[in-house]
PDB file of N, CA and C in Angstrom:
ATOM      1  N   MET A   1      14.254  13.953  16.340  1.00  0.00           N
ATOM      2  CA  MET A   1      13.048  13.997  15.105  1.00  0.00           C
ATOM      3  C   MET A   1      12.314  12.970  15.443  1.00  0.00           C
ATOM      4  N   ARG A   2      10.730  13.249  15.226  1.00  0.00           N
ATOM      5  CA  ARG A   2       9.988  12.268  14.905  1.00  0.00           C
ATOM      6  C   ARG A   2       9.608  11.877  13.706  1.00  0.00           C
ATOM      7  N   ASP A   3       9.461  10.453  13.424  1.00  0.00           N
ATOM      8  CA  ASP A   3       9.117  10.192  11.876  1.00  0.00           C
ATOM      9  C   ASP A   3       7.742  10.853  11.589  1.00  0.00           C
ATOM     10  N   PRO A   4       7.303  11.263  10.354  1.00  0.00           N
ATOM     11  CA  PRO A   4       6.275  11.760  10.223  1.00  0.00           C
ATOM     12  C   PRO A   4       5.319  10.899   9.941  1.00  0.00           C
ATOM     13  N   LEU A   5       5.281   9.555   8.847  1.00  0.00           N
ATOM     14  CA  LEU A   5       4.888   8.644   8.852  1.00  0.00           C
ATOM     15  C   LEU A   5       4.372   8.023  10.480  1.00  0.00           C
ATOM     16  N   GLU A   6       5.263   7.742  11.121  1.00  0.00           N
ATOM     17  CA  GLU A   6       4.490   7.388  12.342  1.00  0.00           C
ATOM     18  C   GLU A   6       3.407   8.269  12.823  1.00  0.00           C
ATOM     19  N   GLU A   7       3.886   9.765  12.734  1.00  0.00           N
ATOM     20  CA  GLU A   7       2.759  10.658  13.528  1.00  0.00           C
ATOM     21  C   GLU A   7       1.226  10.939  12.434  1.00  0.00           C
ATOM     22  N   LEU A   8       1.677  10.636  11.451  1.00  0.00           N
ATOM     23  CA  LEU A   8       0.378  10.485  10.461  1.00  0.00           C
ATOM     24  C   LEU A   8      -0.217   9.530  10.652  1.00  0.00           C
ATOM     25  N   SER A   9       0.297   7.975  11.369  1.00  0.00           N
ATOM     26  CA  SER A   9      -0.734   6.931  11.261  1.00  0.00           C
ATOM     27  C   SER A   9      -1.157   7.021  12.721  1.00  0.00           C
ATOM     28  N   ARG A  10      -0.233   7.874  13.683  1.00  0.00           N
ATOM     29  CA  ARG A  10      -0.791   8.151  14.889  1.00  0.00           C
ATOM     30  C   ARG A  10      -2.364   8.899  14.918  1.00  0.00           C
ATOM     31  N   TYR A  11      -2.416   9.677  13.789  1.00  0.00           N
ATOM     32  CA  TYR A  11      -3.686  10.752  14.148  1.00  0.00           C
ATOM     33  C   TYR A  11      -4.453  10.146  13.449  1.00  0.00           C
ATOM     34  N   LEU A  12      -4.582   9.175  12.167  1.00  0.00           N
ATOM     35  CA  LEU A  12      -5.516   8.901  11.275  1.00  0.00           C
ATOM     36  C   LEU A  12      -5.310   6.988  11.403  1.00  0.00           C
ATOM     37  N   ASP A  13      -6.477   6.856  11.437  1.00  0.00           N
ATOM     38  CA  ASP A  13      -6.937   5.789  11.449  1.00  0.00           C
ATOM     39  C   ASP A  13      -7.168   5.029  10.214  1.00  0.00           C
ATOM     40  N   PHE A  14      -6.353   4.526   9.189  1.00  0.00           N
ATOM     41  CA  PHE A  14      -6.619   4.057   8.124  1.00  0.00           C
ATOM     42  C   PHE A  14      -7.836   3.034   7.736  1.00  0.00           C
ATOM     43  N   GLY A  15      -8.234   2.297   8.737  1.00  0.00           N
ATOM     44  CA  GLY A  15      -9.035   1.420   8.583  1.00  0.00           C
ATOM     45  C   GLY A  15     -10.416   1.590   8.552  1.00  0.00           C
ATOM     46  N   LEU A  16     -10.552   3.042   8.829  1.00  0.00           N
ATOM     47  CA  LEU A  16     -11.825   3.879   8.789  1.00  0.00           C
ATOM     48  C   LEU A  16     -11.989   3.742   7.108  1.00  0.00           C
ATOM     49  N   PHE A  17     -11.037   4.016   6.499  1.00  0.00           N
ATOM     50  CA  PHE A  17     -11.404   4.169   4.739  1.00  0.00           C
ATOM     51  C   PHE A  17     -11.572   2.775   4.266  1.00  0.00           C
ATOM     52  N   ARG A  18     -11.527   1.276   5.057  1.00  0.00           N
ATOM     53  CA  ARG A  18     -11.998   0.218   4.045  1.00  0.00           C
ATOM     54  C   ARG A  18     -13.066  -0.171   3.798  1.00  0.00           C
ATOM     55  N   PRO A  19     -14.207   0.138   4.197  1.00  0.00           N
ATOM     56  CA  PRO A  19     -15.758   0.173   3.822  1.00  0.00           C
ATOM     57  C   PRO A  19     -15.806   0.660   2.330  1.00  0.00           C
ATOM     58  N   GLU A  20     -15.292   2.126   2.286  1.00  0.00           N
ATOM     59  CA  GLU A  20     -15.084   2.995   0.970  1.00  0.00           C
ATOM     60  C   GLU A  20     -14.350   2.379  -0.118  1.00  0.00           C
ATOM     61  N   LEU A  21     -12.945   1.732   0.118  1.00  0.00           N
ATOM     62  CA  LEU A  21     -12.028   1.182  -0.710  1.00  0.00           C
ATOM     63  C   LEU A  21     -12.268  -0.009  -1.205  1.00  0.00           C
ATOM     64  N   THR A  22     -13.324  -0.996  -0.312  1.00  0.00           N
ATOM     65  CA  THR A  22     -14.070  -1.978  -0.466  1.00  0.00           C
ATOM     66  C   THR A  22     -14.723  -1.829  -1.656  1.00  0.00           C
ATOM     67  N   ALA A  23     -15.787  -1.164  -1.066  1.00  0.00           N
ATOM     68  CA  ALA A  23     -16.691  -1.220  -2.330  1.00  0.00           C
ATOM     69  C   ALA A  23     -16.123  -0.358  -3.584  1.00  0.00           C
ATOM     70  N   VAL A  24     -15.281   0.486  -3.828  1.00  0.00           N
ATOM     71  CA  VAL A  24     -14.835   1.435  -4.958  1.00  0.00           C
ATOM     72  C   VAL A  24     -14.091  -0.334  -5.752  1.00  0.00           C
ATOM     73  N   PHE A  25     -13.236  -0.907  -4.874  1.00  0.00           N
ATOM     74  CA  PHE A  25     -12.465  -2.213  -5.956  1.00  0.00           C
ATOM     75  C   PHE A  25     -13.176  -3.183  -6.128  1.00  0.00           C
ATOM     76  N   ALA A  26     -14.402  -3.244  -5.295  1.00  0.00           N
ATOM     77  CA  ALA A  26     -15.245  -4.692  -5.530  1.00  0.00           C
ATOM     78  C   ALA A  26     -15.335  -5.366  -6.494  1.00  0.00           C
ATOM     79  N   ARG A  27     -15.241  -6.481  -6.496  1.00  0.00           N
ATOM     80  CA  ARG A  27     -15.277  -7.077  -8.025  1.00  0.00           C
ATOM     81  C   ARG A  27     -16.566  -8.225  -8.210  1.00  0.00           C
ATOM     82  N   SER A  28     -17.098  -7.950  -9.359  1.00  0.00           N
ATOM     83  CA  SER A  28     -18.315  -8.602  -9.379  1.00  0.00           C
ATOM     84  C   SER A  28     -18.188 -10.112  -9.227  1.00  0.00           C
ATOM     85  N   THR A  29     -17.245 -11.001  -9.435  1.00  0.00           N
ATOM     86  CA  THR A  29     -17.082 -12.121  -8.953  1.00  0.00           C
ATOM     87  C   THR A  29     -15.215 -12.723  -8.500  1.00  0.00           C
ATOM     88  N   ALA A  30     -15.270 -13.110  -7.994  1.00  0.00           N
ATOM     89  CA  ALA A  30     -13.900 -13.790  -7.188  1.00  0.00           C
ATOM     90  C   ALA A  30     -13.143 -14.344  -8.611  1.00  0.00           C
ATOM     91  N   PRO A  31     -11.545 -13.952  -8.517  1.00  0.00           N
ATOM     92  CA  PRO A  31     -10.844 -14.191  -9.123  1.00  0.00           C
ATOM     93  C   PRO A  31     -10.589 -15.729  -9.262  1.00  0.00           C
ATOM     94  N   VAL A  32     -10.736 -16.587 -10.173  1.00  0.00           N
ATOM     95  CA  VAL A  32     -10.659 -17.983 -10.122  1.00  0.00           C
ATOM     96  C   VAL A  32      -8.932 -18.432 -10.453  1.00  0.00           C
ATOM     97  N   ALA A  33      -8.252 -17.774 -10.832  1.00  0.00           N
ATOM     98  CA  ALA A  33      -6.975 -18.259 -11.056  1.00  0.00           C
ATOM     99  C   ALA A  33      -5.917 -16.930 -10.509  1.00  0.00           C
ATOM    100  N   GLY A  34      -4.728 -17.319 -10.480  1.00  0.00           N
ATOM    101  CA  GLY A  34      -3.871 -15.689 -10.018  1.00  0.00           C
ATOM    102  C   GLY A  34      -3.960 -15.289  -8.461  1.00  0.00           C
ATOM    103  N   ARG A  35      -3.210 -14.430  -8.226  1.00  0.00           N
ATOM    104  CA  ARG A  35      -2.531 -13.935  -7.083  1.00  0.00           C
ATOM    105  C   ARG A  35      -3.729 -13.294  -6.293  1.00  0.00           C
ATOM    106  N   LYS A  36      -4.121 -13.783  -4.810  1.00  0.00           N
ATOM    107  CA  LYS A  36      -4.955 -12.862  -4.275  1.00  0.00           C
ATOM    108  C   LYS A  36      -4.772 -11.386  -4.241  1.00  0.00           C
ATOM    109  N   PRO A  37      -5.634 -10.722  -4.167  1.00  0.00           N
ATOM    110  CA  PRO A  37      -5.811  -9.108  -4.185  1.00  0.00           C
ATOM    111  C   PRO A  37      -5.222  -8.792  -2.968  1.00  0.00           C
ATOM    112  N   SER A  38      -4.499  -8.173  -2.975  1.00  0.00           N
ATOM    113  CA  SER A  38      -3.861  -7.361  -1.883  1.00  0.00           C
ATOM    114  C   SER A  38      -4.487  -6.458  -1.199  1.00  0.00           C
ATOM    115  N   ASP A  39      -4.597  -6.274   0.237  1.00  0.00           N
ATOM    116  CA  ASP A  39      -5.359  -5.687   0.870  1.00  0.00           C
ATOM    117  C   ASP A  39      -5.577  -4.115   0.408  1.00  0.00           C
ATOM    118  N   VAL A  40      -7.116  -3.463   0.194  1.00  0.00           N
ATOM    119  CA  VAL A  40      -7.246  -2.514  -0.019  1.00  0.00           C
ATOM    120  C   VAL A  40      -6.782  -1.416   0.765  1.00  0.00           C
ATOM    121  N   VAL A  41      -6.584  -1.292   2.210  1.00  0.00           N
ATOM    122  CA  VAL A  41      -6.079  -0.620   2.746  1.00  0.00           C
ATOM    123  C   VAL A  41      -4.014  -0.466   2.894  1.00  0.00           C
ATOM    124  N   LEU A  42      -3.758  -1.598   2.871  1.00  0.00           N
ATOM    125  CA  LEU A  42      -2.582  -1.584   2.159  1.00  0.00           C
ATOM    126  C   LEU A  42      -2.449  -0.813   0.785  1.00  0.00           C
ATOM    127  N   MET A  43      -2.947  -0.902  -0.263  1.00  0.00           N
ATOM    128  CA  MET A  43      -2.868  -0.687  -1.219  1.00  0.00           C
ATOM    129  C   MET A  43      -2.553   1.247  -1.417  1.00  0.00           C
ATOM    130  N   PHE A  44      -3.799   1.443  -0.352  1.00  0.00           N
ATOM    131  CA  PHE A  44      -3.982   2.891  -0.347  1.00  0.00           C
ATOM    132  C   PHE A  44      -2.921   3.405   0.422  1.00  0.00           C
ATOM    133  N   LYS A  45      -2.334   2.674   1.520  1.00  0.00           N
ATOM    134  CA  LYS A  45      -1.127   3.449   2.142  1.00  0.00           C
ATOM    135  C   LYS A  45      -0.067   3.553   1.566  1.00  0.00           C
ATOM    136  N   ILE A  46       0.198   2.567   0.181  1.00  0.00           N
ATOM    137  CA  ILE A  46       1.174   2.632  -0.495  1.00  0.00           C
ATOM    138  C   ILE A  46       1.115   3.641  -1.810  1.00  0.00           C
ATOM    139  N   LEU A  47      -0.438   4.040  -1.742  1.00  0.00           N
ATOM    140  CA  LEU A  47      -0.413   5.141  -2.864  1.00  0.00           C
ATOM    141  C   LEU A  47      -0.159   6.844  -2.178  1.00  0.00           C
ATOM    142  N   ILE A  48      -0.491   6.726  -1.079  1.00  0.00           N
ATOM    143  CA  ILE A  48       0.021   8.224  -0.151  1.00  0.00           C
ATOM    144  C   ILE A  48       1.358   7.875  -0.520  1.00  0.00           C
ATOM    145  N   LEU A  49       2.456   6.581  -0.130  1.00  0.00           N
ATOM    146  CA  LEU A  49       3.689   6.676  -0.072  1.00  0.00           C
ATOM    147  C   LEU A  49       4.076   7.173  -1.245  1.00  0.00           C
ATOM    148  N   GLN A  50       3.535   6.751  -2.405  1.00  0.00           N
ATOM    149  CA  GLN A  50       3.830   7.188  -3.526  1.00  0.00           C
ATOM    150  C   GLN A  50       3.465   8.703  -3.882  1.00  0.00           C
ATOM    151  N   ARG A  51       2.908   9.175  -3.588  1.00  0.00           N
ATOM    152  CA  ARG A  51       2.532  10.493  -3.641  1.00  0.00           C
ATOM    153  C   ARG A  51       3.333  11.712  -2.705  1.00  0.00           C
ATOM    154  N   LEU A  52       3.698  11.121  -1.459  1.00  0.00           N
ATOM    155  CA  LEU A  52       4.176  11.834  -0.798  1.00  0.00           C
ATOM    156  C   LEU A  52       5.622  11.793  -1.100  1.00  0.00           C
ATOM    157  N   PHE A  53       6.480  10.817  -1.540  1.00  0.00           N
ATOM    158  CA  PHE A  53       7.644  10.925  -1.941  1.00  0.00           C
ATOM    159  C   PHE A  53       8.095  10.679  -3.243  1.00  0.00           C
ATOM    160  N   ASN A  54       7.130  11.249  -4.075  1.00  0.00           N
ATOM    161  CA  ASN A  54       7.037  11.105  -5.589  1.00  0.00           C
ATOM    162  C   ASN A  54       7.831  10.039  -6.056  1.00  0.00           C
ATOM    163  N   LEU A  55       7.356   8.543  -6.191  1.00  0.00           N
ATOM    164  CA  LEU A  55       7.792   7.898  -6.378  1.00  0.00           C
ATOM    165  C   LEU A  55       7.253   6.857  -7.678  1.00  0.00           C
ATOM    166  N   SER A  56       8.059   6.027  -8.310  1.00  0.00           N
ATOM    167  CA  SER A  56       7.493   5.402  -9.298  1.00  0.00           C
ATOM    168  C   SER A  56       7.034   3.926  -8.533  1.00  0.00           C
ATOM    169  N   ASP A  57       6.723   3.165  -9.383  1.00  0.00           N
ATOM    170  CA  ASP A  57       5.769   1.813  -9.069  1.00  0.00           C
ATOM    171  C   ASP A  57       7.353   1.459  -8.495  1.00  0.00           C
ATOM    172  N   GLU A  58       8.000   1.193  -9.448  1.00  0.00           N
ATOM    173  CA  GLU A  58       9.139   0.082  -9.072  1.00  0.00           C
ATOM    174  C   GLU A  58      10.191   0.995  -8.171  1.00  0.00           C
ATOM    175  N   GLN A  59      10.123   2.061  -7.876  1.00  0.00           N
ATOM    176  CA  GLN A  59      10.911   2.491  -6.860  1.00  0.00           C
ATOM    177  C   GLN A  59       9.972   2.615  -5.532  1.00  0.00           C
ATOM    178  N   THR A  60       8.861   2.558  -5.924  1.00  0.00           N
ATOM    179  CA  THR A  60       7.843   2.098  -4.225  1.00  0.00           C
ATOM    180  C   THR A  60       8.146   1.007  -4.098  1.00  0.00           C
ATOM    181  N   GLU A  61       8.257  -0.036  -4.765  1.00  0.00           N
ATOM    182  CA  GLU A  61       8.520  -1.479  -4.474  1.00  0.00           C
ATOM    183  C   GLU A  61      10.081  -1.799  -3.827  1.00  0.00           C
ATOM    184  N   TYR A  62      10.710  -0.902  -4.552  1.00  0.00           N
ATOM    185  CA  TYR A  62      12.515  -1.187  -3.619  1.00  0.00           C
ATOM    186  C   TYR A  62      12.248   0.002  -2.454  1.00  0.00           C
ATOM    187  N   GLN A  63      11.383   1.001  -2.214  1.00  0.00           N
ATOM    188  CA  GLN A  63      11.380   1.607  -1.334  1.00  0.00           C
ATOM    189  C   GLN A  63      11.198   0.571   0.225  1.00  0.00           C
ATOM    190  N   ILE A  64      10.158   0.169  -0.249  1.00  0.00           N
ATOM    191  CA  ILE A  64       8.859  -0.422   0.817  1.00  0.00           C
ATOM    192  C   ILE A  64       9.867  -1.597   1.323  1.00  0.00           C
ATOM    193  N   THR A  65      11.094  -2.268   0.389  1.00  0.00           N
ATOM    194  CA  THR A  65      11.762  -3.313   1.011  1.00  0.00           C
ATOM    195  C   THR A  65      13.019  -2.839   1.742  1.00  0.00           C
ATOM    196  N   ASP A  66      13.479  -1.528   1.524  1.00  0.00           N
ATOM    197  CA  ASP A  66      14.662  -0.807   1.708  1.00  0.00           C
ATOM    198  C   ASP A  66      14.436   0.090   3.235  1.00  0.00           C
ATOM    199  N   ARG A  67      13.262   0.862   3.347  1.00  0.00           N
ATOM    200  CA  ARG A  67      13.141   1.990   4.556  1.00  0.00           C
ATOM    201  C   ARG A  67      12.190   1.398   5.088  1.00  0.00           C
ATOM    202  N   LEU A  68      12.525   1.069   6.663  1.00  0.00           N
ATOM    203  CA  LEU A  68      12.052   0.611   7.887  1.00  0.00           C
ATOM    204  C   LEU A  68      10.761   1.523   7.794  1.00  0.00           C
ATOM    205  N   SER A  69      11.159   2.858   7.944  1.00  0.00           N
ATOM    206  CA  SER A  69      10.003   3.718   8.062  1.00  0.00           C
ATOM    207  C   SER A  69       8.935   3.258   7.280  1.00  0.00           C
ATOM    208  N   PHE A  70       9.047   2.670   5.626  1.00  0.00           N
ATOM    209  CA  PHE A  70       8.235   2.489   5.139  1.00  0.00           C
ATOM    210  C   PHE A  70       7.139   1.063   5.531  1.00  0.00           C
ATOM    211  N   THR A  71       8.178   0.491   6.101  1.00  0.00           N
ATOM    212  CA  THR A  71       7.743  -1.121   6.199  1.00  0.00           C
ATOM    213  C   THR A  71       6.857  -0.741   7.823  1.00  0.00           C
ATOM    214  N   ARG A  72       7.099   0.063   8.956  1.00  0.00           N
ATOM    215  CA  ARG A  72       6.662   0.204   9.909  1.00  0.00           C
ATOM    216  C   ARG A  72       4.973   1.041   9.392  1.00  0.00           C
ATOM    217  N   PHE A  73       4.997   2.070   8.735  1.00  0.00           N
ATOM    218  CA  PHE A  73       3.814   2.527   8.334  1.00  0.00           C
ATOM    219  C   PHE A  73       2.900   1.892   7.662  1.00  0.00           C
ATOM    220  N   LEU A  74       3.197   0.608   6.891  1.00  0.00           N
ATOM    221  CA  LEU A  74       2.348  -0.344   5.972  1.00  0.00           C
ATOM    222  C   LEU A  74       2.131  -1.208   6.842  1.00  0.00           C
ATOM    223  N   SER A  75       2.545  -1.391   8.300  1.00  0.00           N
ATOM    224  CA  SER A  75       2.357  -2.500   9.376  1.00  0.00           C
ATOM    225  C   SER A  75       2.657  -3.945   8.588  1.00  0.00           C
ATOM    226  N   LEU A  76       3.996  -3.808   8.413  1.00  0.00           N
ATOM    227  CA  LEU A  76       4.605  -4.815   7.599  1.00  0.00           C
ATOM    228  C   LEU A  76       5.669  -5.504   8.652  1.00  0.00           C
ATOM    229  N   ARG A  77       6.017  -6.718   8.469  1.00  0.00           N
ATOM    230  CA  ARG A  77       6.961  -7.206   9.108  1.00  0.00           C
ATOM    231  C   ARG A  77       8.559  -7.117   8.132  1.00  0.00           C
ATOM    232  N   LEU A  78       9.673  -7.439   8.804  1.00  0.00           N
ATOM    233  CA  LEU A  78      10.732  -7.585   7.731  1.00  0.00           C
ATOM    234  C   LEU A  78      10.427  -9.181   6.973  1.00  0.00           C
ATOM    235  N   GLY A  79      10.598  -8.916   5.921  1.00  0.00           N
ATOM    236  CA  GLY A  79      10.266 -10.257   5.039  1.00  0.00           C
ATOM    237  C   GLY A  79       8.953 -10.198   4.333  1.00  0.00           C
ATOM    238  N   SER A  80       7.944  -9.748   4.853  1.00  0.00           N
ATOM    239  CA  SER A  80       6.845  -9.941   4.273  1.00  0.00           C
ATOM    240  C   SER A  80       6.420  -9.775   2.970  1.00  0.00           C
ATOM    241  N   LYS A  81       5.345 -10.085   2.604  1.00  0.00           N
ATOM    242  CA  LYS A  81       5.443 -10.228   0.939  1.00  0.00           C
ATOM    243  C   LYS A  81       5.048  -8.783   0.694  1.00  0.00           C
ATOM    244  N   ILE A  82       4.928  -7.985  -0.054  1.00  0.00           N
ATOM    245  CA  ILE A  82       4.670  -7.099  -0.869  1.00  0.00           C
ATOM    246  C   ILE A  82       3.961  -7.026  -1.896  1.00  0.00           C
ATOM    247  N   PRO A  83       3.278  -6.307  -2.462  1.00  0.00           N
ATOM    248  CA  PRO A  83       2.665  -6.172  -4.034  1.00  0.00           C
ATOM    249  C   PRO A  83       3.893  -5.880  -4.856  1.00  0.00           C
ATOM    250  N   ASP A  84       4.248  -6.564  -5.834  1.00  0.00           N
ATOM    251  CA  ASP A  84       5.386  -6.037  -6.874  1.00  0.00           C
ATOM    252  C   ASP A  84       5.179  -5.083  -7.556  1.00  0.00           C
ATOM    253  N   PHE A  85       5.675  -4.145  -8.099  1.00  0.00           N
ATOM    254  CA  PHE A  85       5.733  -3.099  -8.667  1.00  0.00           C
ATOM    255  C   PHE A  85       4.499  -2.689  -9.568  1.00  0.00           C
ATOM    256  N   THR A  86       4.223  -3.945 -10.237  1.00  0.00           N
ATOM    257  CA  THR A  86       3.401  -3.810 -11.105  1.00  0.00           C
ATOM    258  C   THR A  86       1.581  -3.961 -10.970  1.00  0.00           C
ATOM    259  N   ARG A  87       1.727  -3.844  -9.376  1.00  0.00           N
ATOM    260  CA  ARG A  87       0.689  -3.914  -8.596  1.00  0.00           C
ATOM    261  C   ARG A  87       0.460  -2.692  -7.537  1.00  0.00           C
ATOM    262  N   CYS A  88       1.680  -1.680  -7.720  1.00  0.00           N
ATOM    263  CA  CYS A  88       1.615  -0.964  -6.651  1.00  0.00           C
ATOM    264  C   CYS A  88       0.789   0.138  -6.995  1.00  0.00           C
ATOM    265  N   GLY A  89       1.111   0.775  -8.164  1.00  0.00           N
ATOM    266  CA  GLY A  89       0.577   2.312  -8.229  1.00  0.00           C
ATOM    267  C   GLY A  89      -0.829   2.519  -8.756  1.00  0.00           C
ATOM    268  N   ALA A  90      -0.825   3.703  -9.416  1.00  0.00           N
ATOM    269  CA  ALA A  90      -2.099   4.029 -10.297  1.00  0.00           C
ATOM    270  C   ALA A  90      -2.014   3.617 -11.338  1.00  0.00           C
ATOM    271  N   SER A  91      -0.904   3.888 -12.349  1.00  0.00           N
ATOM    272  CA  SER A  91      -0.211   3.998 -13.684  1.00  0.00           C
ATOM    273  C   SER A  91      -1.163   3.130 -14.317  1.00  0.00           C
ATOM    274  N   GLY A  92      -1.481   2.038 -14.208  1.00  0.00           N
ATOM    275  CA  GLY A  92      -2.350   1.042 -14.884  1.00  0.00           C
ATOM    276  C   GLY A  92      -1.511   0.089 -14.947  1.00  0.00           C
ATOM    277  N   LYS A  93      -0.246   0.104 -15.020  1.00  0.00           N
ATOM    278  CA  LYS A  93       0.323  -1.200 -15.726  1.00  0.00           C
ATOM    279  C   LYS A  93      -0.024  -2.611 -14.863  1.00  0.00           C
ATOM    280  N   ARG A  94      -0.340  -3.432 -15.801  1.00  0.00           N
ATOM    281  CA  ARG A  94      -0.841  -4.641 -15.116  1.00  0.00           C
ATOM    282  C   ARG A  94       0.015  -5.945 -15.995  1.00  0.00           C
TER     283      ARG A  94
END
C-alpha cells in the first residue's frame, strides 16, 4: 500500500504556492526580535495535515515528531526543528 502523503507530494508541487502564500503573509516590516517566521510552504503543508487528519495544533506538533510519513511529507529530517503547536494551525493562538 502506498503512502497517500507521498502520492500527494508526487502529483502536487507545493512550491508553486510560495508566491501567493508569501504575498498573503507578507509583513510590512521585518520583526526586530523573536523567532524567525516559519517557511510559508511548510506552514501550508502543516495546515493540510491538520485538515486531512482532523488534528488540533498540539496534536499536529506531536504527530509531526512521531510519524515518519508526516516528516517525509513536510520534507523534514529527523530531529529538524518544527513550529511549536502555538504556531501551527489557524486557531489564532499565539
